[in-house]
Amino acid sequence: MSNDSRMKRGGGRPGGPQLGTPGGGPVIDKTGDETLQAMIKDEVPFFKQMEY
């Protein structure tokens, strides 16, 4: 499929790459989201524990 035909039908899916499809959508910076950062800091020790 050429780039022209891909652009005519709307391009890739928004939100990033998915298997078998081109990436799309902007990168969203979540570093300023205090709630999300607190959740990440809470979960990180659990994931570190799972490393072998």
N, C-alpha and C. Protein backbone atom coordinates (compact mmCIF):
# COMPACT_ATOMS: atom_id res chain seq x y z
N MET A 1 0.86 -1.18 0.00
CA MET A 1 0.00 0.00 0.00
C MET A 1 0.90 1.23 0.00
N SER A 2 0.61 2.15 -0.85
CA SER A 2 1.43 3.36 -0.95
C SER A 2 1.06 4.36 0.13
N ASN A 3 1.96 5.30 0.37
CA ASN A 3 1.70 6.35 1.35
C ASN A 3 0.48 7.16 0.99
N ASP A 4 0.29 7.44 -0.32
CA ASP A 4 -0.85 8.23 -0.76
C ASP A 4 -2.18 7.56 -0.40
N SER A 5 -2.28 6.27 -0.65
CA SER A 5 -3.54 5.59 -0.35
C SER A 5 -3.76 5.49 1.15
N ARG A 6 -2.69 5.37 1.92
CA ARG A 6 -2.81 5.31 3.37
C ARG A 6 -3.32 6.65 3.90
N MET A 7 -2.82 7.76 3.36
CA MET A 7 -3.24 9.08 3.81
C MET A 7 -4.71 9.33 3.44
N LYS A 8 -5.15 8.81 2.30
CA LYS A 8 -6.53 9.01 1.86
C LYS A 8 -7.52 8.31 2.79
N ARG A 9 -7.12 7.18 3.35
CA ARG A 9 -8.05 6.46 4.21
C ARG A 9 -7.89 6.81 5.69
N GLY A 10 -7.02 7.79 5.99
CA GLY A 10 -6.97 8.28 7.37
C GLY A 10 -5.69 7.95 8.11
N GLY A 11 -4.76 7.26 7.50
CA GLY A 11 -3.49 6.98 8.17
C GLY A 11 -3.61 5.87 9.20
N GLY A 12 -2.66 5.82 10.09
CA GLY A 12 -2.62 4.78 11.13
C GLY A 12 -3.58 5.09 12.27
N ARG A 13 -3.56 4.23 13.25
CA ARG A 13 -4.43 4.43 14.41
C ARG A 13 -3.79 5.43 15.37
N PRO A 14 -4.59 6.26 16.01
CA PRO A 14 -4.02 7.20 16.97
C PRO A 14 -3.54 6.48 18.23
N GLY A 15 -2.54 7.02 18.88
CA GLY A 15 -2.13 6.47 20.16
C GLY A 15 -0.89 5.62 20.12
N GLY A 16 -0.31 5.39 18.97
CA GLY A 16 0.94 4.63 18.94
C GLY A 16 0.84 3.42 18.05
N PRO A 17 1.98 2.76 17.88
CA PRO A 17 2.01 1.61 16.97
C PRO A 17 1.25 0.41 17.53
N GLN A 18 0.67 -0.34 16.63
CA GLN A 18 0.04 -1.60 16.98
C GLN A 18 0.50 -2.62 15.97
N LEU A 19 0.46 -3.87 16.35
CA LEU A 19 0.95 -4.93 15.49
C LEU A 19 0.34 -4.86 14.10
N GLY A 20 1.17 -4.83 13.10
CA GLY A 20 0.71 -4.87 11.73
C GLY A 20 0.17 -3.55 11.20
N THR A 21 0.24 -2.50 11.97
CA THR A 21 -0.26 -1.20 11.51
C THR A 21 0.78 -0.13 11.79
N PRO A 22 0.75 0.96 11.04
CA PRO A 22 1.69 2.04 11.30
C PRO A 22 1.31 2.80 12.57
N GLY A 23 2.30 3.40 13.22
CA GLY A 23 2.04 4.20 14.41
C GLY A 23 1.32 5.48 14.05
N GLY A 24 0.76 6.11 15.02
CA GLY A 24 0.08 7.37 14.77
C GLY A 24 -0.20 8.09 16.06
N GLY A 25 -0.67 9.29 15.96
CA GLY A 25 -1.01 10.07 17.14
C GLY A 25 0.21 10.71 17.77
N PRO A 26 -0.01 11.78 18.50
CA PRO A 26 1.10 12.48 19.15
C PRO A 26 1.56 11.77 20.41
N VAL A 27 2.79 12.03 20.80
CA VAL A 27 3.29 11.52 22.07
C VAL A 27 2.68 12.39 23.16
N ILE A 28 2.15 11.76 24.19
CA ILE A 28 1.50 12.50 25.26
C ILE A 28 2.41 12.49 26.48
N ASP A 29 2.81 13.67 26.94
CA ASP A 29 3.70 13.80 28.10
C ASP A 29 2.87 13.75 29.38
N LYS A 30 3.11 12.72 30.20
CA LYS A 30 2.35 12.56 31.44
C LYS A 30 3.18 12.91 32.68
N THR A 31 4.37 13.51 32.49
CA THR A 31 5.25 13.80 33.63
C THR A 31 4.65 14.83 34.58
N GLY A 32 3.75 15.68 34.10
CA GLY A 32 3.14 16.69 34.96
C GLY A 32 1.91 16.20 35.70
N ASP A 33 1.48 14.97 35.45
CA ASP A 33 0.29 14.42 36.09
C ASP A 33 0.68 13.82 37.44
N GLU A 34 0.45 14.56 38.53
CA GLU A 34 0.90 14.12 39.85
C GLU A 34 0.21 12.83 40.30
N THR A 35 -1.06 12.66 39.97
CA THR A 35 -1.78 11.44 40.36
C THR A 35 -1.17 10.22 39.68
N LEU A 36 -0.91 10.34 38.38
CA LEU A 36 -0.32 9.23 37.64
C LEU A 36 1.08 8.92 38.15
N GLN A 37 1.88 9.95 38.40
CA GLN A 37 3.24 9.74 38.89
C GLN A 37 3.22 9.05 40.26
N ALA A 38 2.28 9.40 41.13
CA ALA A 38 2.17 8.76 42.44
C ALA A 38 1.80 7.29 42.28
N MET A 39 0.90 6.98 41.34
CA MET A 39 0.51 5.59 41.10
C MET A 39 1.71 4.79 40.59
N ILE A 40 2.49 5.38 39.70
CA ILE A 40 3.65 4.69 39.15
C ILE A 40 4.66 4.41 40.26
N LYS A 41 4.94 5.41 41.10
CA LYS A 41 5.90 5.24 42.20
C LYS A 41 5.43 4.17 43.17
N ASP A 42 4.13 4.03 43.34
CA ASP A 42 3.57 3.02 44.23
C ASP A 42 3.74 1.62 43.65
N GLU A 43 3.63 1.47 42.33
CA GLU A 43 3.67 0.16 41.68
C GLU A 43 5.08 -0.30 41.32
N VAL A 44 6.02 0.61 41.13
CA VAL A 44 7.36 0.25 40.67
C VAL A 44 8.03 -0.79 41.57
N PRO A 45 8.00 -0.67 42.90
CA PRO A 45 8.66 -1.69 43.73
C PRO A 45 8.11 -3.10 43.49
N PHE A 46 6.82 -3.21 43.22
CA PHE A 46 6.21 -4.51 42.94
C PHE A 46 6.82 -5.13 41.68
N PHE A 47 7.00 -4.33 40.63
CA PHE A 47 7.55 -4.85 39.38
C PHE A 47 9.03 -5.17 39.52
N LYS A 48 9.77 -4.38 40.30
CA LYS A 48 11.19 -4.67 40.53
C LYS A 48 11.34 -6.00 41.24
N GLN A 49 10.40 -6.31 42.13
CA GLN A 49 10.42 -7.55 42.88
C GLN A 49 10.27 -8.76 41.95
N MET A 50 9.58 -8.59 40.84
CA MET A 50 9.32 -9.69 39.92
C MET A 50 10.52 -10.03 39.05
N GLU A 51 11.54 -9.19 39.01
CA GLU A 51 12.71 -9.46 38.18
C GLU A 51 13.49 -10.64 38.75
N TYR A 52 14.01 -11.47 37.88
CA TYR A 52 14.78 -12.63 38.33
C TYR A 52 16.25 -12.37 38.17
